[in-house]
Amino acid sequence: MKVIVRPRQMGKTTELLKYAAENDLVIVTHTVDYAKQLDKQATRAGLIMRPPIAASMLMNDMKCNDVKGVVIDNVELVLSVLMHNISPIYGMTVSGVPELDYDERKDHEQFEDFKKGNPDLTWQQFCSFKYNMTLDD
């Protein structure tokens, strides 16, 4: 299982879209509108993939028989929908060894080292450079 853990606006969903496209997986999200938004984002990125689907539709859609597997964007929001908006969720467990790809402490240490030579460098610029992505404001 791949678990993407990063701060807000650091490319988690973008990476999930690429991962889903590469592995023929369906993205499950919390609302129909957000699923449509992700579909547009994937199209803009040139990704060919199955359309994302809202959790509520997945449970009622009989067309999902050929789904190889799913990835979940914003798992806490999807769980809230599935549990009829019982929130907040205070914790969860996951079986197996997740592939964690982010250590915020190490990023902050590297940021401070980079900042010594570049005093005007912002956290967002550093993360954008490190993760090789463009951040939308």
Foldseek 3Di string as FASTA:
>chain_A
DADEDDDPQLCPLVVVLVVCLVVQAEEEEADPVVQVVSQVVCVVVVGDHDGHYYLVVVVVPPVCPPGPYYDYDPVQNSVCVVVVNPDDDDDDDDPDDYDYDDDVVVLVVVVVVVCVVPVVDDSVNSSCVVVVHDTDD
